[in-house]
């Protein structure tokens, strides 16, 4: 079941959902709008290797915006820091963003119960488009969980994306044992 606006507010009051900064105007009927943070990143190498640490270059979005280009994967970050302690958060793009040809995630739209951080966005575009710091970029949807939880994300020793950040985080696939 997806939480409604009233349920999201009730969970915020209980402390099971945290959004910083929180703006009541961003609360939709059954979602919460998030915004593009100040930083983007691109990978240094043209060819990425899943077994090795692929380094990124982080840069600030200028006031006049930044033009995203096709055939480049950009890592972005949400302005909002979130914590979700009793629900499964899903991040989806806003329809207005999709209608500009912007995809905000390649595969990682679901968070885990216990995820506490900003969201790294995997941004790609179908044609050049100018984006801006602070623009609405996506919406968080919260799903109820059935059953108890044994392994909260923020308590896992091997969680790779637990360090609080305001910049995008590159793939940590290289840390997996495989």
Protein backbone atom coordinates (compact mmCIF):
# COMPACT_ATOMS: atom_id res chain seq x y z
CA UNK A 1 0.00 0.00 0.00
CA UNK A 2 1.25 3.51 -0.84
CA UNK A 3 1.09 6.15 1.90
CA UNK A 4 -1.23 9.12 1.34
CA UNK A 5 -0.36 12.71 2.20
CA UNK A 6 -2.02 12.40 5.61
CA UNK A 7 -0.15 9.16 6.32
CA UNK A 8 3.18 10.69 5.26
CA UNK A 9 2.57 13.61 7.63
CA UNK A 10 1.66 11.21 10.45
CA UNK A 11 4.86 9.19 9.87
CA UNK A 12 6.90 12.41 9.88
CA UNK A 13 5.29 13.27 13.24
CA UNK A 14 6.20 9.80 14.55
CA UNK A 15 9.77 10.17 13.28
CA UNK A 16 9.69 7.16 10.95
CA UNK A 17 10.07 9.46 7.91
CA UNK A 18 12.39 12.47 7.85
CA UNK A 19 12.79 14.95 4.99
CA UNK A 20 15.23 17.87 5.40
CA UNK A 21 14.45 20.49 4.38
CA UNK A 22 10.72 19.79 4.57
CA UNK A 23 8.30 22.03 2.69
CA UNK A 24 4.58 21.31 3.09
CA UNK A 25 3.96 22.65 -0.43
CA UNK A 26 6.01 19.73 -1.82
CA UNK A 27 3.65 17.15 -0.34
CA UNK A 28 1.46 15.61 -3.04
CA UNK A 29 -1.58 13.39 -2.67
CA UNK A 30 0.60 10.31 -2.23
CA UNK A 31 4.19 11.51 -2.71
CA UNK A 32 6.74 14.11 -1.71
CA UNK A 33 8.56 16.20 -4.35
CA UNK A 34 12.35 16.35 -4.18
CA UNK A 35 14.68 18.81 -5.89
CA UNK A 36 18.00 18.72 -7.71
CA UNK A 37 20.92 19.43 -5.40
CA UNK A 38 23.81 21.74 -6.14
CA UNK A 39 26.23 19.14 -7.54
CA UNK A 40 26.58 16.88 -10.57
CA UNK A 41 29.31 14.40 -11.41
CA UNK A 42 30.59 12.53 -14.44
CA UNK A 43 32.87 9.53 -14.63
CA UNK A 44 36.47 10.25 -15.58
CA UNK A 45 36.81 7.19 -17.79
CA UNK A 46 34.82 6.63 -20.95
CA UNK A 47 34.82 2.88 -20.28
CA UNK A 48 33.59 1.86 -16.83
CA UNK A 49 34.72 -1.38 -15.20
CA UNK A 50 32.45 -3.09 -12.64
CA UNK A 51 35.44 -4.70 -10.86
CA UNK A 52 37.31 -1.43 -10.23
CA UNK A 53 36.69 1.91 -8.57
CA UNK A 54 35.50 4.23 -11.32
CA UNK A 55 36.34 7.76 -10.16
CA UNK A 56 34.13 10.77 -10.76
CA UNK A 57 34.59 14.50 -11.21
CA UNK A 58 32.12 16.52 -9.13
CA UNK A 59 31.13 20.02 -10.18
CA UNK A 60 28.66 22.66 -9.07
CA UNK A 61 25.68 23.57 -11.24
CA UNK A 62 26.19 27.23 -12.22
CA UNK A 63 23.47 29.80 -11.56
CA UNK A 64 22.67 29.96 -15.28
CA UNK A 65 22.08 26.20 -15.28
CA UNK A 66 23.92 23.38 -16.99
CA UNK A 67 23.19 21.69 -20.31
CA UNK A 68 23.01 17.89 -20.08
CA UNK A 69 24.04 16.04 -23.23
CA UNK A 70 22.94 12.64 -24.57
CA UNK A 71 25.48 9.78 -24.39
CA UNK A 72 26.74 10.97 -20.98
CA UNK A 73 25.72 9.55 -17.64
CA UNK A 74 25.45 12.30 -15.05
CA UNK A 75 25.24 11.58 -11.36
CA UNK A 76 23.12 14.11 -9.53
CA UNK A 77 21.92 14.37 -5.97
CA UNK A 78 18.72 15.41 -4.28
CA UNK A 79 18.69 18.61 -2.28
CA UNK A 80 16.71 16.75 0.37
CA UNK A 81 18.24 14.45 2.94
CA UNK A 82 15.79 11.68 3.84
CA UNK A 83 15.43 8.95 6.42
CA UNK A 84 12.93 6.13 6.15
CA UNK A 85 12.73 3.84 9.16
CA UNK A 86 9.49 1.87 8.65
CA UNK A 87 8.63 2.08 4.93
CA UNK A 88 10.16 1.34 1.55
CA UNK A 89 10.85 4.61 -0.30
CA UNK A 90 10.69 4.72 -4.09
CA UNK A 91 12.08 7.62 -6.08
CA UNK A 92 10.40 8.33 -9.38
CA UNK A 93 10.85 11.15 -11.87
CA UNK A 94 8.24 13.84 -12.13
CA UNK A 95 6.18 13.72 -15.32
CA UNK A 96 7.27 17.27 -16.23
CA UNK A 97 10.91 16.15 -16.02
CA UNK A 98 10.22 13.06 -18.12
CA UNK A 99 8.52 15.22 -20.75
CA UNK A 100 11.82 17.08 -21.11
CA UNK A 101 13.47 13.73 -21.92
CA UNK A 102 15.24 13.45 -18.57
CA UNK A 103 15.53 10.08 -16.82
CA UNK A 104 16.59 10.43 -13.18
CA UNK A 105 17.49 6.83 -12.47
CA UNK A 106 18.75 3.95 -14.54
CA UNK A 107 17.75 1.21 -12.10
CA UNK A 108 18.07 2.45 -8.52
CA UNK A 109 14.62 3.86 -7.76
CA UNK A 110 14.00 1.81 -4.62
CA UNK A 111 15.51 2.55 -1.24
CA UNK A 112 15.70 0.14 1.66
CA UNK A 113 14.04 0.52 5.03
CA UNK A 114 16.68 2.34 7.04
CA UNK A 115 18.12 4.32 4.11
CA UNK A 116 19.29 7.66 5.52
CA UNK A 117 20.92 9.99 3.01
CA UNK A 118 20.45 12.18 -0.01
CA UNK A 119 19.58 10.25 -3.17
CA UNK A 120 22.15 9.89 -5.93
CA UNK A 121 20.44 10.28 -9.30
CA UNK A 122 21.57 8.46 -12.45
CA UNK A 123 20.62 11.10 -15.00
CA UNK A 124 20.47 10.63 -18.75
CA UNK A 125 18.76 12.68 -21.46
CA UNK A 126 17.43 12.03 -24.95
CA UNK A 127 18.42 15.46 -26.26
CA UNK A 128 20.31 18.45 -24.81
CA UNK A 129 18.40 20.07 -21.95
CA UNK A 130 19.33 22.80 -19.45
CA UNK A 131 18.78 21.98 -15.80
CA UNK A 132 19.03 24.11 -12.67
CA UNK A 133 19.96 23.71 -9.03
CA UNK A 134 16.81 23.47 -6.92
CA UNK A 135 14.45 22.47 -9.75
CA UNK A 136 11.85 19.79 -8.94
CA UNK A 137 13.39 16.53 -10.14
CA UNK A 138 11.49 13.64 -8.61
CA UNK A 139 9.01 12.38 -6.09
CA UNK A 140 9.31 9.98 -3.19
CA UNK A 141 6.58 7.41 -2.74
CA UNK A 142 6.41 5.39 0.48
CA UNK A 143 5.21 1.78 0.63
CA UNK A 144 4.11 -0.04 3.76
CA UNK A 145 6.16 -3.04 4.83
CA UNK A 146 4.55 -6.30 5.87
CA UNK A 147 6.40 -8.18 8.59
CA UNK A 148 9.31 -7.45 10.87
CA UNK A 149 12.70 -6.24 9.67
CA UNK A 150 15.89 -8.01 10.64
CA UNK A 151 18.42 -5.99 8.65
CA UNK A 152 17.89 -2.21 8.43
CA UNK A 153 20.04 -0.60 5.74
CA UNK A 154 21.61 1.99 8.06
CA UNK A 155 22.68 -0.78 10.47
CA UNK A 156 24.32 -3.05 7.88
CA UNK A 157 28.09 -3.30 8.19
CA UNK A 158 28.47 -3.80 4.44
CA UNK A 159 26.13 -0.96 3.36
CA UNK A 160 28.05 1.03 0.76
CA UNK A 161 25.97 4.21 0.69
CA UNK A 162 25.59 5.08 4.38
CA UNK A 163 27.91 8.09 4.60
CA UNK A 164 25.89 11.31 4.63
CA UNK A 165 26.75 13.48 1.64
CA UNK A 166 25.57 16.45 -0.40
CA UNK A 167 27.41 15.27 -3.51
CA UNK A 168 26.64 12.38 -5.87
CA UNK A 169 28.20 9.02 -5.02
CA UNK A 170 29.78 6.85 -7.70
CA UNK A 171 29.08 3.15 -8.08
CA UNK A 172 30.52 1.02 -5.31
CA UNK A 173 30.01 -2.23 -7.25
CA UNK A 174 33.76 -2.85 -6.89
CA UNK A 175 33.25 -3.36 -3.14
CA UNK A 176 30.98 -6.38 -3.71
CA UNK A 177 32.36 -9.88 -3.29
CA UNK A 178 31.75 -11.73 -6.56
